[in-house]
Amino acid sequence: GTVVFLQTNTAGTTVDLVIGTGGAFIDSIQINARGTNVATAFRVFSNANATNATAANNDLIADATCPATTASNVAGLAPVVIQIKRWFPSGTKFFVTIGTAVSAGFSVTMYGSQM
């Protein structure tokens, strides 16, 4: 599927999200459909701040099924929340993949605490 690194926006510049000095505790990841999508598998990987083309640099930390969604003017789209509850060392990056092409896409938010 499509590989996308989670990103942060600092001073208007989009860059890969990299865990800083001291590491971080990640509580959860929330996935929100941006509109009408087919069902897909959603997978979250941690990466040793290196190329994700080398399998040894990546670790599957969670996956979930994102159900088919239909955009509506009268009903909200329920988010999918993946509980992580894990500490990650400094330098860790995160990326996500989806198994099936979707039309509207997803917004992904990570919740946690920098140490």
N, C-alpha and C. Protein backbone atom coordinates (compact mmCIF):
# COMPACT_ATOMS: atom_id res chain seq x y z
N GLY A 1 0.82 -1.19 0.00
CA GLY A 1 0.00 0.00 0.00
C GLY A 1 0.86 1.25 0.00
N THR A 2 0.21 2.38 0.05
CA THR A 2 0.88 3.68 0.08
C THR A 2 1.59 3.86 1.41
N VAL A 3 2.84 4.34 1.38
CA VAL A 3 3.63 4.58 2.58
C VAL A 3 3.71 6.08 2.81
N VAL A 4 3.29 6.54 3.99
CA VAL A 4 3.32 7.96 4.32
C VAL A 4 3.92 8.14 5.70
N PHE A 5 5.00 8.94 5.81
CA PHE A 5 5.54 9.25 7.13
C PHE A 5 4.66 10.27 7.81
N LEU A 6 4.43 10.10 9.12
CA LEU A 6 3.70 11.11 9.88
C LEU A 6 4.56 12.37 9.89
N GLN A 7 3.91 13.51 9.83
CA GLN A 7 4.64 14.76 9.71
C GLN A 7 4.17 15.76 10.76
N THR A 8 5.01 16.74 11.00
CA THR A 8 4.69 17.84 11.88
C THR A 8 4.88 19.13 11.11
N ASN A 9 4.17 20.15 11.49
CA ASN A 9 4.29 21.43 10.80
C ASN A 9 4.96 22.41 11.75
N THR A 10 6.19 22.79 11.46
CA THR A 10 6.94 23.72 12.29
C THR A 10 7.21 24.98 11.47
N ALA A 11 6.70 26.10 11.92
CA ALA A 11 6.92 27.39 11.25
C ALA A 11 6.52 27.33 9.78
N GLY A 12 5.44 26.61 9.49
CA GLY A 12 4.95 26.55 8.13
C GLY A 12 5.67 25.57 7.22
N THR A 13 6.61 24.82 7.76
CA THR A 13 7.36 23.86 6.96
C THR A 13 6.98 22.45 7.38
N THR A 14 6.60 21.61 6.43
CA THR A 14 6.24 20.24 6.74
C THR A 14 7.50 19.38 6.74
N VAL A 15 7.72 18.68 7.85
CA VAL A 15 8.88 17.79 7.98
C VAL A 15 8.44 16.50 8.64
N ASP A 16 9.23 15.43 8.46
CA ASP A 16 8.92 14.17 9.14
C ASP A 16 8.93 14.37 10.65
N LEU A 17 7.98 13.73 11.33
CA LEU A 17 7.93 13.75 12.78
C LEU A 17 9.01 12.81 13.30
N VAL A 18 9.97 13.33 14.05
CA VAL A 18 11.05 12.54 14.62
C VAL A 18 11.04 12.77 16.14
N ILE A 19 11.00 11.68 16.91
CA ILE A 19 11.00 11.79 18.37
C ILE A 19 12.31 12.42 18.83
N GLY A 20 12.21 13.44 19.66
CA GLY A 20 13.38 14.19 20.11
C GLY A 20 14.11 13.55 21.27
N THR A 21 15.09 14.29 21.79
CA THR A 21 15.92 13.84 22.90
C THR A 21 15.06 13.41 24.07
N GLY A 22 15.36 12.29 24.68
CA GLY A 22 14.62 11.79 25.83
C GLY A 22 13.53 10.81 25.46
N GLY A 23 13.19 10.72 24.17
CA GLY A 23 12.15 9.79 23.75
C GLY A 23 10.76 10.34 23.97
N ALA A 24 9.76 9.51 23.72
CA ALA A 24 8.36 9.93 23.88
C ALA A 24 7.49 8.72 24.19
N PHE A 25 6.43 8.98 24.95
CA PHE A 25 5.42 7.97 25.22
C PHE A 25 4.24 8.27 24.31
N ILE A 26 3.89 7.31 23.44
CA ILE A 26 2.77 7.49 22.52
C ILE A 26 1.56 6.78 23.11
N ASP A 27 0.49 7.55 23.33
CA ASP A 27 -0.74 6.99 23.88
C ASP A 27 -1.58 6.32 22.80
N SER A 28 -1.88 7.06 21.73
CA SER A 28 -2.79 6.53 20.72
C SER A 28 -2.62 7.27 19.40
N ILE A 29 -3.22 6.69 18.38
CA ILE A 29 -3.29 7.30 17.06
C ILE A 29 -4.75 7.32 16.65
N GLN A 30 -5.22 8.46 16.19
CA GLN A 30 -6.60 8.59 15.74
C GLN A 30 -6.62 8.78 14.23
N ILE A 31 -7.48 8.02 13.57
CA ILE A 31 -7.61 8.06 12.11
C ILE A 31 -9.01 8.57 11.79
N ASN A 32 -9.08 9.66 11.04
CA ASN A 32 -10.37 10.22 10.63
C ASN A 32 -10.49 10.18 9.12
N ALA A 33 -11.55 9.56 8.62
CA ALA A 33 -11.80 9.57 7.18
C ALA A 33 -12.15 11.00 6.77
N ARG A 34 -11.65 11.42 5.63
CA ARG A 34 -11.93 12.77 5.12
C ARG A 34 -13.19 12.82 4.28
N GLY A 35 -13.86 11.69 4.13
CA GLY A 35 -15.08 11.62 3.32
C GLY A 35 -15.38 10.18 2.96
N THR A 36 -15.88 9.95 1.75
CA THR A 36 -16.28 8.62 1.31
C THR A 36 -15.05 7.80 0.91
N ASN A 37 -14.87 6.67 1.59
CA ASN A 37 -13.76 5.75 1.33
C ASN A 37 -14.26 4.31 1.35
N VAL A 38 -13.57 3.43 0.64
CA VAL A 38 -13.81 2.00 0.78
C VAL A 38 -13.09 1.52 2.04
N ALA A 39 -13.44 0.33 2.51
CA ALA A 39 -12.76 -0.24 3.68
C ALA A 39 -11.31 -0.54 3.32
N THR A 40 -10.43 -0.42 4.31
CA THR A 40 -9.02 -0.70 4.08
C THR A 40 -8.34 -1.10 5.38
N ALA A 41 -7.22 -1.76 5.25
CA ALA A 41 -6.37 -2.06 6.40
C ALA A 41 -5.41 -0.89 6.59
N PHE A 42 -5.24 -0.47 7.83
CA PHE A 42 -4.39 0.67 8.17
C PHE A 42 -3.31 0.15 9.10
N ARG A 43 -2.05 0.36 8.75
CA ARG A 43 -0.94 -0.16 9.57
C ARG A 43 0.01 0.96 9.97
N VAL A 44 0.49 0.88 11.21
CA VAL A 44 1.39 1.88 11.77
C VAL A 44 2.73 1.21 12.06
N PHE A 45 3.80 1.84 11.57
CA PHE A 45 5.16 1.32 11.77
C PHE A 45 6.01 2.36 12.47
N SER A 46 6.93 1.90 13.31
CA SER A 46 7.98 2.79 13.81
C SER A 46 9.21 2.52 12.96
N ASN A 47 10.09 3.51 12.90
CA ASN A 47 11.26 3.44 12.03
C ASN A 47 12.45 4.01 12.78
N ALA A 48 13.60 3.39 12.61
CA ALA A 48 14.81 3.78 13.33
C ALA A 48 15.48 5.01 12.71
N ASN A 49 14.67 5.99 12.23
CA ASN A 49 15.15 7.22 11.61
C ASN A 49 16.14 6.91 10.49
N ALA A 50 15.76 5.94 9.68
CA ALA A 50 16.59 5.52 8.57
C ALA A 50 15.67 5.23 7.38
N THR A 51 16.23 4.73 6.31
CA THR A 51 15.40 4.43 5.16
C THR A 51 14.37 3.35 5.49
N ASN A 52 13.13 3.56 5.05
CA ASN A 52 12.12 2.54 5.30
C ASN A 52 12.18 1.44 4.25
N ALA A 53 13.07 1.56 3.26
CA ALA A 53 13.24 0.53 2.25
C ALA A 53 13.98 -0.69 2.81
N THR A 54 14.63 -0.53 3.96
CA THR A 54 15.32 -1.64 4.62
C THR A 54 14.40 -2.18 5.71
N ALA A 55 13.92 -3.41 5.54
CA ALA A 55 12.93 -3.98 6.45
C ALA A 55 13.37 -3.96 7.91
N ALA A 56 14.67 -4.16 8.18
CA ALA A 56 15.17 -4.19 9.56
C ALA A 56 15.02 -2.85 10.27
N ASN A 57 14.81 -1.75 9.54
CA ASN A 57 14.63 -0.44 10.16
C ASN A 57 13.20 -0.19 10.65
N ASN A 58 12.28 -1.07 10.29
CA ASN A 58 10.86 -0.85 10.53
C ASN A 58 10.30 -1.87 11.50
N ASP A 59 9.30 -1.44 12.28
CA ASP A 59 8.64 -2.33 13.22
C ASP A 59 7.14 -2.06 13.15
N LEU A 60 6.34 -3.07 12.80
CA LEU A 60 4.88 -2.94 12.81
C LEU A 60 4.44 -2.84 14.26
N ILE A 61 3.84 -1.71 14.63
CA ILE A 61 3.42 -1.55 16.04
C ILE A 61 1.92 -1.69 16.23
N ALA A 62 1.14 -1.55 15.16
CA ALA A 62 -0.31 -1.71 15.29
C ALA A 62 -0.95 -1.72 13.92
N ASP A 63 -2.13 -2.34 13.86
CA ASP A 63 -2.93 -2.23 12.65
C ASP A 63 -4.41 -2.26 13.02
N ALA A 64 -5.23 -1.77 12.11
CA ALA A 64 -6.67 -1.70 12.35
C ALA A 64 -7.39 -1.72 11.02
N THR A 65 -8.66 -2.10 11.06
CA THR A 65 -9.50 -2.02 9.88
C THR A 65 -10.24 -0.70 9.90
N CYS A 66 -10.11 0.06 8.84
CA CYS A 66 -10.90 1.29 8.68
C CYS A 66 -12.10 0.92 7.83
N PRO A 67 -13.30 1.06 8.37
CA PRO A 67 -14.49 0.64 7.62
C PRO A 67 -14.79 1.57 6.45
N ALA A 68 -15.61 1.10 5.54
CA ALA A 68 -16.08 1.95 4.45
C ALA A 68 -16.86 3.12 5.07
N THR A 69 -16.68 4.31 4.50
CA THR A 69 -17.36 5.50 5.00
C THR A 69 -18.08 6.20 3.86
N THR A 70 -19.16 6.89 4.23
CA THR A 70 -19.90 7.70 3.26
C THR A 70 -20.07 9.09 3.84
N ALA A 71 -19.60 10.09 3.12
CA ALA A 71 -19.74 11.47 3.58
C ALA A 71 -21.22 11.81 3.69
N SER A 72 -21.58 12.58 4.74
CA SER A 72 -22.97 12.92 5.00
C SER A 72 -23.05 14.33 5.57
N ASN A 73 -24.12 15.02 5.25
CA ASN A 73 -24.36 16.34 5.83
C ASN A 73 -25.06 16.28 7.17
N VAL A 74 -25.53 15.08 7.58
CA VAL A 74 -26.29 14.97 8.83
C VAL A 74 -25.69 13.99 9.84
N ALA A 75 -24.62 13.31 9.47
CA ALA A 75 -24.01 12.34 10.39
C ALA A 75 -22.49 12.42 10.30
N GLY A 76 -21.85 12.41 11.47
CA GLY A 76 -20.39 12.44 11.51
C GLY A 76 -19.80 11.08 11.16
N LEU A 77 -18.54 11.09 10.78
CA LEU A 77 -17.81 9.86 10.51
C LEU A 77 -17.02 9.49 11.76
N ALA A 78 -17.25 8.30 12.26
CA ALA A 78 -16.59 7.86 13.49
C ALA A 78 -15.09 7.64 13.26
N PRO A 79 -14.25 8.13 14.17
CA PRO A 79 -12.82 7.88 14.03
C PRO A 79 -12.46 6.46 14.41
N VAL A 80 -11.32 6.00 13.92
CA VAL A 80 -10.74 4.74 14.37
C VAL A 80 -9.58 5.12 15.27
N VAL A 81 -9.55 4.59 16.49
CA VAL A 81 -8.49 4.90 17.45
C VAL A 81 -7.69 3.64 17.72
N ILE A 82 -6.38 3.76 17.56
CA ILE A 82 -5.47 2.66 17.85
C ILE A 82 -4.70 3.01 19.12
N GLN A 83 -4.83 2.19 20.15
CA GLN A 83 -4.10 2.38 21.40
C GLN A 83 -2.67 1.87 21.21
N ILE A 84 -1.68 2.71 21.54
CA ILE A 84 -0.28 2.32 21.42
C ILE A 84 0.32 2.05 22.80
N LYS A 85 0.23 3.03 23.71
CA LYS A 85 0.69 2.89 25.11
C LYS A 85 2.10 2.32 25.18
N ARG A 86 3.03 3.02 24.52
CA ARG A 86 4.40 2.50 24.45
C ARG A 86 5.39 3.66 24.37
N TRP A 87 6.56 3.47 24.97
CA TRP A 87 7.63 4.46 24.92
C TRP A 87 8.50 4.17 23.71
N PHE A 88 8.96 5.26 23.04
CA PHE A 88 9.83 5.14 21.88
C PHE A 88 11.07 5.99 22.10
N PRO A 89 12.24 5.49 21.71
CA PRO A 89 13.48 6.23 21.92
C PRO A 89 13.63 7.42 20.97
N SER A 90 14.54 8.30 21.34
CA SER A 90 14.89 9.45 20.51
C SER A 90 15.25 8.99 19.10
N GLY A 91 14.84 9.76 18.11
CA GLY A 91 15.16 9.45 16.72
C GLY A 91 14.14 8.60 16.00
N THR A 92 13.15 8.07 16.72
CA THR A 92 12.14 7.23 16.08
C THR A 92 11.24 8.06 15.16
N LYS A 93 10.95 7.53 13.99
CA LYS A 93 9.99 8.12 13.07
C LYS A 93 8.83 7.13 12.92
N PHE A 94 7.71 7.61 12.45
CA PHE A 94 6.54 6.76 12.29
C PHE A 94 6.00 6.90 10.88
N PHE A 95 5.56 5.80 10.30
CA PHE A 95 4.88 5.89 9.03
C PHE A 95 3.68 4.96 9.02
N VAL A 96 2.76 5.25 8.12
CA VAL A 96 1.53 4.47 8.02
C VAL A 96 1.37 3.99 6.59
N THR A 97 0.64 2.89 6.45
CA THR A 97 0.29 2.38 5.13
C THR A 97 -1.20 2.05 5.13
N ILE A 98 -1.79 2.10 3.94
CA ILE A 98 -3.15 1.61 3.77
C ILE A 98 -3.10 0.52 2.72
N GLY A 99 -3.96 -0.48 2.88
CA GLY A 99 -3.92 -1.64 1.99
C GLY A 99 -4.66 -1.45 0.68
N THR A 100 -5.67 -0.59 0.66
CA THR A 100 -6.51 -0.39 -0.51
C THR A 100 -6.56 1.09 -0.83
N ALA A 101 -6.48 1.44 -2.10
CA ALA A 101 -6.59 2.85 -2.49
C ALA A 101 -7.96 3.39 -2.09
N VAL A 102 -7.97 4.58 -1.51
CA VAL A 102 -9.22 5.23 -1.10
C VAL A 102 -9.34 6.56 -1.83
N SER A 103 -10.55 7.07 -1.92
CA SER A 103 -10.74 8.30 -2.70
C SER A 103 -10.59 9.56 -1.86
N ALA A 104 -11.13 9.59 -0.65
CA ALA A 104 -11.12 10.83 0.14
C ALA A 104 -9.89 10.96 1.04
N GLY A 105 -9.28 9.86 1.41
CA GLY A 105 -8.10 9.89 2.27
C GLY A 105 -8.44 9.94 3.75
N PHE A 106 -7.38 10.05 4.56
CA PHE A 106 -7.50 10.05 6.02
C PHE A 106 -6.65 11.16 6.62
N SER A 107 -7.07 11.65 7.77
CA SER A 107 -6.23 12.51 8.61
C SER A 107 -5.80 11.65 9.79
N VAL A 108 -4.52 11.72 10.13
CA VAL A 108 -3.97 10.88 11.20
C VAL A 108 -3.35 11.79 12.25
N THR A 109 -3.74 11.57 13.52
CA THR A 109 -3.22 12.36 14.62
C THR A 109 -2.64 11.42 15.67
N MET A 110 -1.42 11.73 16.12
CA MET A 110 -0.76 10.95 17.16
C MET A 110 -0.83 11.72 18.47
N TYR A 111 -1.19 11.02 19.56
CA TYR A 111 -1.26 11.64 20.88
C TYR A 111 -0.22 11.01 21.79
N GLY A 112 0.53 11.85 22.51
CA GLY A 112 1.54 11.32 23.41
C GLY A 112 2.24 12.43 24.15
N SER A 113 3.35 12.08 24.80
CA SER A 113 4.10 13.03 25.61
C SER A 113 5.59 12.91 25.29
N GLN A 114 6.20 14.05 25.01
CA GLN A 114 7.64 14.09 24.80
C GLN A 114 8.31 14.02 26.16
N MET A 115 9.35 13.22 26.29
CA MET A 115 10.04 13.09 27.58
C MET A 115 11.16 14.11 27.68
